[in-house]
Amino acid sequence: MPGMWLVVALVVVGLVAAYLFWTANRVERLQIRAESAARALDAHLLRRAAAAAVLAEQRYGVELYAAARIALDAVPEEREAAENDLTRQLRAVELDPDDPACEAVIAASRRLALSRQVHTDLVRDARAARRRPLVRLLRMGRRHDLPRYFDVDDPTLSRAADVPAG
């Protein structure tokens, strides 16, 4: 009989250790995915700003070009405001769907919207995993900074042909 209790205790300890190992790996994977999504979001932000700068140089002028340059050159603390300003400037101009430069900006904006949604979802999941009591108690997320949301207006732009007349 005493040997049976030892086996039960070893099984319980093994299950708890496996659960802790699985939880630590999950927190680590979510952190890494959130960081990767942040890098992808940054790349899409840069692509959209570069496409907007090219478009502004070709036809839309100083205000759009200035907003695009500010977004390209913004430091991380000012990035959200610069991107929101660029989105407002892009919405103020009428984009011709037949123009390749306009199409590049519209496509970049759509990819940016998708990237932002993926980033937001992964940040939410990583933060939720790090808020769990056991994770906080054992400090499983201490190797990484807490992921941050990127709060930007919906960057999706519509084509002039998509907007109903009236």
C-alpha atoms as a PDB file:
ATOM      1  CA  MET A   1       0.000   0.000   0.000  1.00  0.00           C
ATOM      2  CA  PRO A   2       2.698   2.596   0.778  1.00  0.00           C
ATOM      3  CA  GLY A   3       4.133   2.122  -2.717  1.00  0.00           C
ATOM      4  CA  MET A   4       0.775   3.012  -4.260  1.00  0.00           C
ATOM      5  CA  TRP A   5       0.715   6.417  -2.538  1.00  0.00           C
ATOM      6  CA  LEU A   6       4.175   7.106  -3.825  1.00  0.00           C
ATOM      7  CA  VAL A   7       3.066   6.304  -7.382  1.00  0.00           C
ATOM      8  CA  VAL A   8      -0.022   8.534  -7.009  1.00  0.00           C
ATOM      9  CA  ALA A   9       2.109  11.366  -5.612  1.00  0.00           C
ATOM     10  CA  LEU A  10       4.605  11.020  -8.474  1.00  0.00           C
ATOM     11  CA  VAL A  11       1.791  11.058 -11.042  1.00  0.00           C
ATOM     12  CA  VAL A  12       0.269  14.180  -9.479  1.00  0.00           C
ATOM     13  CA  VAL A  13       3.636  15.929  -9.353  1.00  0.00           C
ATOM     14  CA  GLY A  14       4.278  14.908 -12.967  1.00  0.00           C
ATOM     15  CA  LEU A  15       0.888  16.264 -14.088  1.00  0.00           C
ATOM     16  CA  VAL A  16       1.430  19.559 -12.266  1.00  0.00           C
ATOM     17  CA  ALA A  17       4.911  19.894 -13.746  1.00  0.00           C
ATOM     18  CA  ALA A  18       3.568  19.139 -17.235  1.00  0.00           C
ATOM     19  CA  TYR A  19       0.826  21.739 -16.803  1.00  0.00           C
ATOM     20  CA  LEU A  20       3.316  24.372 -15.617  1.00  0.00           C
ATOM     21  CA  PHE A  21       5.654  23.574 -18.512  1.00  0.00           C
ATOM     22  CA  TRP A  22       2.782  23.793 -21.014  1.00  0.00           C
ATOM     23  CA  THR A  23       1.590  27.107 -19.521  1.00  0.00           C
ATOM     24  CA  ALA A  24       5.091  28.618 -19.608  1.00  0.00           C
ATOM     25  CA  ASN A  25       5.510  27.561 -23.238  1.00  0.00           C
ATOM     26  CA  ARG A  26       2.112  29.012 -24.140  1.00  0.00           C
ATOM     27  CA  VAL A  27       2.959  32.370 -22.550  1.00  0.00           C
ATOM     28  CA  GLU A  28       6.317  32.402 -24.338  1.00  0.00           C
ATOM     29  CA  ARG A  29       4.761  31.530 -27.733  1.00  0.00           C
ATOM     30  CA  LEU A  30       2.078  34.207 -27.368  1.00  0.00           C
ATOM     31  CA  GLN A  31       4.715  36.803 -26.473  1.00  0.00           C
ATOM     32  CA  ILE A  32       6.822  35.882 -29.488  1.00  0.00           C
ATOM     33  CA  ARG A  33       3.809  35.948 -31.810  1.00  0.00           C
ATOM     34  CA  ALA A  34       2.748  39.367 -30.464  1.00  0.00           C
ATOM     35  CA  GLU A  35       6.263  40.722 -31.045  1.00  0.00           C
ATOM     36  CA  SER A  36       6.283  39.301 -34.583  1.00  0.00           C
ATOM     37  CA  ALA A  37       2.894  40.849 -35.272  1.00  0.00           C
ATOM     38  CA  ALA A  38       4.206  44.205 -34.027  1.00  0.00           C
ATOM     39  CA  ARG A  39       7.120  43.990 -36.472  1.00  0.00           C
ATOM     40  CA  ALA A  40       4.752  43.074 -39.324  1.00  0.00           C
ATOM     41  CA  LEU A  41       2.452  45.965 -38.392  1.00  0.00           C
ATOM     42  CA  ASP A  42       5.420  48.329 -38.427  1.00  0.00           C
ATOM     43  CA  ALA A  43       6.415  47.100 -41.886  1.00  0.00           C
ATOM     44  CA  HIS A  44       2.881  47.649 -43.214  1.00  0.00           C
ATOM     45  CA  LEU A  45       2.782  51.128 -41.680  1.00  0.00           C
ATOM     46  CA  LEU A  46       6.033  51.995 -43.448  1.00  0.00           C
ATOM     47  CA  ARG A  47       4.794  50.591 -46.765  1.00  0.00           C
ATOM     48  CA  ARG A  48       1.591  52.617 -46.596  1.00  0.00           C
ATOM     49  CA  ALA A  49       3.436  55.816 -45.667  1.00  0.00           C
ATOM     50  CA  ALA A  50       5.938  55.288 -48.500  1.00  0.00           C
ATOM     51  CA  ALA A  51       3.135  54.652 -51.007  1.00  0.00           C
ATOM     52  CA  ALA A  52       1.333  57.777 -49.755  1.00  0.00           C
ATOM     53  CA  ALA A  53       4.527  59.831 -50.140  1.00  0.00           C
ATOM     54  CA  VAL A  54       4.931  58.647 -53.726  1.00  0.00           C
ATOM     55  CA  LEU A  55       1.289  59.451 -54.441  1.00  0.00           C
ATOM     56  CA  ALA A  56       1.611  62.893 -52.862  1.00  0.00           C
ATOM     57  CA  GLU A  57       4.720  63.678 -54.909  1.00  0.00           C
ATOM     58  CA  GLN A  58       2.906  62.753 -58.101  1.00  0.00           C
ATOM     59  CA  ARG A  59      -0.330  64.632 -57.628  1.00  0.00           C
ATOM     60  CA  TYR A  60      -1.779  65.519 -54.233  1.00  0.00           C
ATOM     61  CA  GLY A  61       0.652  68.015 -52.847  1.00  0.00           C
ATOM     62  CA  VAL A  62       2.255  69.261 -49.734  1.00  0.00           C
ATOM     63  CA  GLU A  63      -0.148  68.304 -46.929  1.00  0.00           C
ATOM     64  CA  LEU A  64      -0.349  64.616 -47.826  1.00  0.00           C
ATOM     65  CA  TYR A  65       3.390  64.488 -48.461  1.00  0.00           C
ATOM     66  CA  ALA A  66       4.123  66.128 -45.100  1.00  0.00           C
ATOM     67  CA  ALA A  67       1.829  63.679 -43.285  1.00  0.00           C
ATOM     68  CA  ALA A  68       3.495  60.747 -45.049  1.00  0.00           C
ATOM     69  CA  ARG A  69       7.002  61.995 -44.197  1.00  0.00           C
ATOM     70  CA  ILE A  70       6.041  62.592 -40.576  1.00  0.00           C
ATOM     71  CA  ALA A  71       4.652  59.036 -40.391  1.00  0.00           C
ATOM     72  CA  LEU A  72       7.838  57.651 -41.936  1.00  0.00           C
ATOM     73  CA  ASP A  73      10.105  59.599 -39.578  1.00  0.00           C
ATOM     74  CA  ALA A  74       8.040  59.336 -36.374  1.00  0.00           C
ATOM     75  CA  VAL A  75       9.607  57.993 -33.209  1.00  0.00           C
ATOM     76  CA  PRO A  76       7.683  55.158 -31.501  1.00  0.00           C
ATOM     77  CA  GLU A  77       6.034  57.486 -28.946  1.00  0.00           C
ATOM     78  CA  GLU A  78       4.589  59.685 -31.713  1.00  0.00           C
ATOM     79  CA  ARG A  79       3.815  56.935 -34.208  1.00  0.00           C
ATOM     80  CA  GLU A  80       0.108  56.514 -33.432  1.00  0.00           C
ATOM     81  CA  ALA A  81      -0.652  60.216 -33.830  1.00  0.00           C
ATOM     82  CA  ALA A  82       1.357  60.438 -37.052  1.00  0.00           C
ATOM     83  CA  GLU A  83      -0.400  57.414 -38.545  1.00  0.00           C
ATOM     84  CA  ASN A  84      -3.817  58.767 -37.569  1.00  0.00           C
ATOM     85  CA  ASP A  85      -2.965  62.073 -39.242  1.00  0.00           C
ATOM     86  CA  LEU A  86      -1.859  60.247 -42.389  1.00  0.00           C
ATOM     87  CA  THR A  87      -5.131  58.285 -42.413  1.00  0.00           C
ATOM     88  CA  ARG A  88      -7.114  61.538 -42.166  1.00  0.00           C
ATOM     89  CA  GLN A  89      -5.103  63.076 -45.006  1.00  0.00           C
ATOM     90  CA  LEU A  90      -5.636  60.006 -47.190  1.00  0.00           C
ATOM     91  CA  ARG A  91      -9.373  60.051 -46.558  1.00  0.00           C
ATOM     92  CA  ALA A  92      -9.510  63.712 -47.574  1.00  0.00           C
ATOM     93  CA  VAL A  93      -8.274  63.040 -51.114  1.00  0.00           C
ATOM     94  CA  GLU A  94     -10.280  61.300 -53.807  1.00  0.00           C
ATOM     95  CA  LEU A  95      -8.401  58.216 -54.925  1.00  0.00           C
ATOM     96  CA  ASP A  96      -8.780  57.139 -58.550  1.00  0.00           C
ATOM     97  CA  PRO A  97      -9.027  53.327 -58.745  1.00  0.00           C
ATOM     98  CA  ASP A  98      -7.443  53.280 -62.214  1.00  0.00           C
ATOM     99  CA  ASP A  99      -4.307  55.082 -61.061  1.00  0.00           C
ATOM    100  CA  PRO A 100      -1.562  52.599 -60.058  1.00  0.00           C
ATOM    101  CA  ALA A 101      -0.241  54.928 -57.324  1.00  0.00           C
ATOM    102  CA  CYS A 102      -3.720  55.236 -55.788  1.00  0.00           C
ATOM    103  CA  GLU A 103      -4.228  51.491 -56.059  1.00  0.00           C
ATOM    104  CA  ALA A 104      -0.921  50.935 -54.230  1.00  0.00           C
ATOM    105  CA  VAL A 105      -2.061  53.150 -51.356  1.00  0.00           C
ATOM    106  CA  ILE A 106      -5.470  51.455 -51.186  1.00  0.00           C
ATOM    107  CA  ALA A 107      -3.896  47.983 -51.210  1.00  0.00           C
ATOM    108  CA  ALA A 108      -1.342  48.983 -48.571  1.00  0.00           C
ATOM    109  CA  SER A 109      -4.153  50.352 -46.405  1.00  0.00           C
ATOM    110  CA  ARG A 110      -6.083  47.092 -46.663  1.00  0.00           C
ATOM    111  CA  ARG A 111      -3.044  45.045 -45.721  1.00  0.00           C
ATOM    112  CA  LEU A 112      -2.400  47.433 -42.850  1.00  0.00           C
ATOM    113  CA  ALA A 113      -5.961  46.972 -41.574  1.00  0.00           C
ATOM    114  CA  LEU A 114      -5.547  43.204 -41.594  1.00  0.00           C
ATOM    115  CA  SER A 115      -2.146  43.411 -39.927  1.00  0.00           C
ATOM    116  CA  ARG A 116      -3.532  45.709 -37.236  1.00  0.00           C
ATOM    117  CA  GLN A 117      -6.355  43.261 -36.501  1.00  0.00           C
ATOM    118  CA  VAL A 118      -3.936  40.331 -36.201  1.00  0.00           C
ATOM    119  CA  HIS A 119      -1.683  42.403 -33.944  1.00  0.00           C
ATOM    120  CA  THR A 120      -4.596  43.460 -31.740  1.00  0.00           C
ATOM    121  CA  ASP A 121      -5.799  39.867 -31.384  1.00  0.00           C
ATOM    122  CA  LEU A 122      -2.349  38.562 -30.475  1.00  0.00           C
ATOM    123  CA  VAL A 123      -1.717  41.362 -27.972  1.00  0.00           C
ATOM    124  CA  ARG A 124      -5.080  40.647 -26.354  1.00  0.00           C
ATOM    125  CA  ASP A 125      -4.273  36.930 -26.098  1.00  0.00           C
ATOM    126  CA  ALA A 126      -0.768  37.537 -24.728  1.00  0.00           C
ATOM    127  CA  ARG A 127      -2.044  39.988 -22.132  1.00  0.00           C
ATOM    128  CA  ALA A 128      -4.822  37.582 -21.101  1.00  0.00           C
ATOM    129  CA  ALA A 129      -2.306  34.772 -20.659  1.00  0.00           C
ATOM    130  CA  ARG A 130      -0.043  37.000 -18.558  1.00  0.00           C
ATOM    131  CA  ARG A 131      -2.948  38.084 -16.323  1.00  0.00           C
ATOM    132  CA  ARG A 132      -3.624  34.535 -15.145  1.00  0.00           C
ATOM    133  CA  PRO A 133      -2.856  34.199 -11.422  1.00  0.00           C
ATOM    134  CA  LEU A 134      -0.458  31.275 -11.775  1.00  0.00           C
ATOM    135  CA  VAL A 135       1.476  33.021 -14.538  1.00  0.00           C
ATOM    136  CA  ARG A 136       1.790  36.179 -12.443  1.00  0.00           C
ATOM    137  CA  LEU A 137       2.709  34.226  -9.306  1.00  0.00           C
ATOM    138  CA  LEU A 138       5.491  32.318 -11.054  1.00  0.00           C
ATOM    139  CA  ARG A 139       6.454  35.345 -13.183  1.00  0.00           C
ATOM    140  CA  MET A 140       6.377  33.370 -16.412  1.00  0.00           C
ATOM    141  CA  GLY A 141       6.223  36.476 -18.603  1.00  0.00           C
ATOM    142  CA  ARG A 142       9.146  38.322 -17.037  1.00  0.00           C
ATOM    143  CA  ARG A 143      11.487  37.797 -19.996  1.00  0.00           C
ATOM    144  CA  HIS A 144       9.408  40.030 -22.272  1.00  0.00           C
ATOM    145  CA  ASP A 145       7.872  43.469 -22.002  1.00  0.00           C
ATOM    146  CA  LEU A 146       4.097  43.600 -21.790  1.00  0.00           C
ATOM    147  CA  PRO A 147       2.839  43.886 -25.388  1.00  0.00           C
ATOM    148  CA  ARG A 148       1.182  47.192 -26.293  1.00  0.00           C
ATOM    149  CA  TYR A 149      -1.821  47.831 -28.457  1.00  0.00           C
ATOM    150  CA  PHE A 150      -1.374  50.118 -31.457  1.00  0.00           C
ATOM    151  CA  ASP A 151      -4.335  52.462 -31.441  1.00  0.00           C
ATOM    152  CA  VAL A 152      -4.869  53.782 -34.953  1.00  0.00           C
ATOM    153  CA  ASP A 153      -7.987  54.726 -36.896  1.00  0.00           C
ATOM    154  CA  ASP A 154      -9.273  52.103 -39.298  1.00  0.00           C
ATOM    155  CA  PRO A 155      -6.853  52.571 -42.209  1.00  0.00           C
ATOM    156  CA  THR A 156      -9.113  50.991 -44.839  1.00  0.00           C
ATOM    157  CA  LEU A 157      -9.658  53.393 -47.720  1.00  0.00           C
ATOM    158  CA  SER A 158     -12.440  53.187 -50.261  1.00  0.00           C
ATOM    159  CA  ARG A 159     -12.017  53.775 -53.935  1.00  0.00           C
ATOM    160  CA  ALA A 160     -13.851  56.656 -55.558  1.00  0.00           C
ATOM    161  CA  ALA A 161     -15.822  54.138 -57.648  1.00  0.00           C
ATOM    162  CA  ASP A 162     -16.911  52.258 -54.482  1.00  0.00           C
ATOM    163  CA  VAL A 163     -18.512  55.305 -52.903  1.00  0.00           C
ATOM    164  CA  PRO A 164     -22.218  55.544 -53.811  1.00  0.00           C
ATOM    165  CA  ALA A 165     -23.283  58.730 -55.538  1.00  0.00           C
ATOM    166  CA  GLY A 166     -25.822  60.957 -53.874  1.00  0.00           C
END
